């Protein structure tokens, strides 16, 4: 089970290292402008990427298109990592009681009888 979480986390971390961190090789200000325009127009709106090229200094239409592709992968891996961590936490919580029972069986019996 723990290898599942580490696989998801490792894929996410490797992607960050290989693809420019949390901003995808863009500076933070340009990336934040990209996110604001994405929210305003919607990712599938044909006006979104041209707006990025027009409103973000130094960004071409091709750069905006590549950043959108990067961002979709980034989001997918981020969500997969979050799901893996939540699943791991849930399994850890659910497996906590059998560990207590194995470690302290007499205490559990006393608690049940009292």
C-alpha atoms as a PDB file:
ATOM      1  CA  UNK A   1       0.000   0.000   0.000  1.00  0.00           C
ATOM      2  CA  UNK A   2       2.750   2.474   0.876  1.00  0.00           C
ATOM      3  CA  UNK A   3       4.366   1.900  -2.525  1.00  0.00           C
ATOM      4  CA  UNK A   4       1.181   3.208  -4.176  1.00  0.00           C
ATOM      5  CA  UNK A   5       1.466   6.536  -2.410  1.00  0.00           C
ATOM      6  CA  UNK A   6       5.191   6.786  -3.034  1.00  0.00           C
ATOM      7  CA  UNK A   7       4.686   6.032  -6.741  1.00  0.00           C
ATOM      8  CA  UNK A   8       2.145   8.852  -7.101  1.00  0.00           C
ATOM      9  CA  UNK A   9       4.299  11.266  -5.112  1.00  0.00           C
ATOM     10  CA  UNK A  10       7.447  10.276  -7.017  1.00  0.00           C
ATOM     11  CA  UNK A  11       5.727  10.814 -10.386  1.00  0.00           C
ATOM     12  CA  UNK A  12       4.554  14.241  -9.246  1.00  0.00           C
ATOM     13  CA  UNK A  13       7.978  15.243  -7.921  1.00  0.00           C
ATOM     14  CA  UNK A  14       9.768  13.960 -11.016  1.00  0.00           C
ATOM     15  CA  UNK A  15       7.394  15.974 -13.207  1.00  0.00           C
ATOM     16  CA  UNK A  16       8.123  19.122 -11.203  1.00  0.00           C
ATOM     17  CA  UNK A  17      11.884  18.624 -11.499  1.00  0.00           C
ATOM     18  CA  UNK A  18      11.780  17.851 -15.214  1.00  0.00           C
ATOM     19  CA  UNK A  19       9.211  20.486 -16.196  1.00  0.00           C
ATOM     20  CA  UNK A  20      10.047  23.721 -14.459  1.00  0.00           C
ATOM     21  CA  UNK A  21       8.497  23.365 -11.022  1.00  0.00           C
ATOM     22  CA  UNK A  22       5.098  24.699 -10.030  1.00  0.00           C
ATOM     23  CA  UNK A  23       5.173  27.375 -12.730  1.00  0.00           C
ATOM     24  CA  UNK A  24       6.281  25.261 -15.707  1.00  0.00           C
ATOM     25  CA  UNK A  25       9.401  27.302 -16.553  1.00  0.00           C
ATOM     26  CA  UNK A  26       7.395  30.520 -16.368  1.00  0.00           C
ATOM     27  CA  UNK A  27       7.968  33.206 -13.759  1.00  0.00           C
ATOM     28  CA  UNK A  28       5.387  33.408 -11.003  1.00  0.00           C
ATOM     29  CA  UNK A  29       3.806  36.646 -12.258  1.00  0.00           C
ATOM     30  CA  UNK A  30       3.303  35.293 -15.800  1.00  0.00           C
ATOM     31  CA  UNK A  31       1.935  32.015 -14.458  1.00  0.00           C
ATOM     32  CA  UNK A  32      -0.508  33.847 -12.171  1.00  0.00           C
ATOM     33  CA  UNK A  33      -1.654  35.947 -15.143  1.00  0.00           C
ATOM     34  CA  UNK A  34      -2.126  32.714 -17.118  1.00  0.00           C
ATOM     35  CA  UNK A  35      -4.264  31.265 -14.312  1.00  0.00           C
ATOM     36  CA  UNK A  36      -6.340  34.437 -14.083  1.00  0.00           C
ATOM     37  CA  UNK A  37      -7.006  34.416 -17.839  1.00  0.00           C
ATOM     38  CA  UNK A  38      -7.757  30.682 -17.750  1.00  0.00           C
ATOM     39  CA  UNK A  39     -10.339  31.283 -15.048  1.00  0.00           C
ATOM     40  CA  UNK A  40     -11.803  34.279 -16.884  1.00  0.00           C
ATOM     41  CA  UNK A  41     -12.115  32.649 -20.313  1.00  0.00           C
ATOM     42  CA  UNK A  42     -12.178  28.948 -19.503  1.00  0.00           C
ATOM     43  CA  UNK A  43      -9.518  26.519 -20.705  1.00  0.00           C
ATOM     44  CA  UNK A  44     -11.521  25.408 -23.754  1.00  0.00           C
ATOM     45  CA  UNK A  45     -12.477  28.873 -24.950  1.00  0.00           C
ATOM     46  CA  UNK A  46     -10.758  29.597 -28.293  1.00  0.00           C
ATOM     47  CA  UNK A  47     -10.063  33.162 -27.100  1.00  0.00           C
ATOM     48  CA  UNK A  48      -8.112  32.004 -24.027  1.00  0.00           C
ATOM     49  CA  UNK A  49      -4.675  31.284 -25.538  1.00  0.00           C
ATOM     50  CA  UNK A  50      -4.669  34.342 -27.836  1.00  0.00           C
ATOM     51  CA  UNK A  51      -5.535  36.449 -24.778  1.00  0.00           C
ATOM     52  CA  UNK A  52      -2.508  34.988 -22.979  1.00  0.00           C
ATOM     53  CA  UNK A  53      -0.265  35.908 -25.896  1.00  0.00           C
ATOM     54  CA  UNK A  54      -1.722  39.406 -26.016  1.00  0.00           C
ATOM     55  CA  UNK A  55      -1.826  40.226 -22.302  1.00  0.00           C
ATOM     56  CA  UNK A  56       1.221  38.437 -20.823  1.00  0.00           C
ATOM     57  CA  UNK A  57       4.469  40.201 -21.768  1.00  0.00           C
ATOM     58  CA  UNK A  58       6.938  38.009 -23.671  1.00  0.00           C
ATOM     59  CA  UNK A  59       4.480  35.143 -24.190  1.00  0.00           C
ATOM     60  CA  UNK A  60       3.688  33.934 -27.704  1.00  0.00           C
ATOM     61  CA  UNK A  61       0.671  31.904 -28.777  1.00  0.00           C
ATOM     62  CA  UNK A  62       2.884  28.807 -29.056  1.00  0.00           C
ATOM     63  CA  UNK A  63       4.265  29.357 -25.548  1.00  0.00           C
ATOM     64  CA  UNK A  64       0.737  29.745 -24.168  1.00  0.00           C
ATOM     65  CA  UNK A  65      -0.358  26.540 -25.923  1.00  0.00           C
ATOM     66  CA  UNK A  66       2.611  24.598 -24.481  1.00  0.00           C
ATOM     67  CA  UNK A  67       1.963  26.015 -21.018  1.00  0.00           C
ATOM     68  CA  UNK A  68      -1.676  24.918 -21.199  1.00  0.00           C
ATOM     69  CA  UNK A  69      -0.558  21.387 -22.126  1.00  0.00           C
ATOM     70  CA  UNK A  70       1.920  21.433 -19.223  1.00  0.00           C
ATOM     71  CA  UNK A  71      -0.739  22.755 -16.854  1.00  0.00           C
ATOM     72  CA  UNK A  72      -3.187  19.967 -17.717  1.00  0.00           C
ATOM     73  CA  UNK A  73      -0.571  17.314 -16.906  1.00  0.00           C
ATOM     74  CA  UNK A  74       0.418  19.214 -13.751  1.00  0.00           C
ATOM     75  CA  UNK A  75      -3.217  19.266 -12.587  1.00  0.00           C
ATOM     76  CA  UNK A  76      -3.698  15.570 -13.372  1.00  0.00           C
ATOM     77  CA  UNK A  77      -0.603  14.577 -11.391  1.00  0.00           C
ATOM     78  CA  UNK A  78      -1.469  16.930  -8.522  1.00  0.00           C
ATOM     79  CA  UNK A  79      -4.923  15.374  -8.208  1.00  0.00           C
ATOM     80  CA  UNK A  80      -3.511  11.830  -8.421  1.00  0.00           C
ATOM     81  CA  UNK A  81      -1.045  12.666  -5.647  1.00  0.00           C
ATOM     82  CA  UNK A  82      -3.830  14.107  -3.463  1.00  0.00           C
ATOM     83  CA  UNK A  83      -6.042  11.042  -4.009  1.00  0.00           C
ATOM     84  CA  UNK A  84      -3.156   8.695  -3.172  1.00  0.00           C
ATOM     85  CA  UNK A  85      -2.404  10.577   0.039  1.00  0.00           C
ATOM     86  CA  UNK A  86      -6.067  10.598   1.093  1.00  0.00           C
ATOM     87  CA  UNK A  87      -6.354   6.873   0.361  1.00  0.00           C
ATOM     88  CA  UNK A  88      -3.186   6.206   2.339  1.00  0.00           C
ATOM     89  CA  UNK A  89      -4.467   8.270   5.297  1.00  0.00           C
ATOM     90  CA  UNK A  90      -7.797   6.433   5.235  1.00  0.00           C
ATOM     91  CA  UNK A  91      -6.107   3.023   5.126  1.00  0.00           C
ATOM     92  CA  UNK A  92      -3.741   4.055   7.904  1.00  0.00           C
ATOM     93  CA  UNK A  93      -6.678   5.181  10.052  1.00  0.00           C
ATOM     94  CA  UNK A  94      -8.660   1.989   9.328  1.00  0.00           C
ATOM     95  CA  UNK A  95      -5.660  -0.198  10.132  1.00  0.00           C
ATOM     96  CA  UNK A  96      -4.968   1.584  13.420  1.00  0.00           C
ATOM     97  CA  UNK A  97      -7.492  -0.429  15.498  1.00  0.00           C
ATOM     98  CA  UNK A  98      -6.133  -3.902  14.620  1.00  0.00           C
ATOM     99  CA  UNK A  99      -2.658  -2.701  15.583  1.00  0.00           C
ATOM    100  CA  UNK A 100      -3.952  -1.552  18.972  1.00  0.00           C
ATOM    101  CA  UNK A 101      -5.766  -4.853  19.472  1.00  0.00           C
ATOM    102  CA  UNK A 102      -2.606  -6.798  18.663  1.00  0.00           C
ATOM    103  CA  UNK A 103      -0.468  -4.681  20.996  1.00  0.00           C
ATOM    104  CA  UNK A 104      -2.865  -4.396  23.934  1.00  0.00           C
ATOM    105  CA  UNK A 105      -5.374  -7.303  23.821  1.00  0.00           C
ATOM    106  CA  UNK A 106      -5.838  -7.474  27.588  1.00  0.00           C
ATOM    107  CA  UNK A 107      -6.551  -3.746  27.805  1.00  0.00           C
ATOM    108  CA  UNK A 108      -9.173  -4.028  25.050  1.00  0.00           C
ATOM    109  CA  UNK A 109     -10.895  -6.926  26.860  1.00  0.00           C
ATOM    110  CA  UNK A 110     -10.930  -4.951  30.131  1.00  0.00           C
ATOM    111  CA  UNK A 111     -12.416  -1.945  28.351  1.00  0.00           C
ATOM    112  CA  UNK A 112     -15.079  -4.094  26.713  1.00  0.00           C
ATOM    113  CA  UNK A 113     -16.041  -5.747  30.026  1.00  0.00           C
ATOM    114  CA  UNK A 114     -16.206  -2.548  32.035  1.00  0.00           C
END
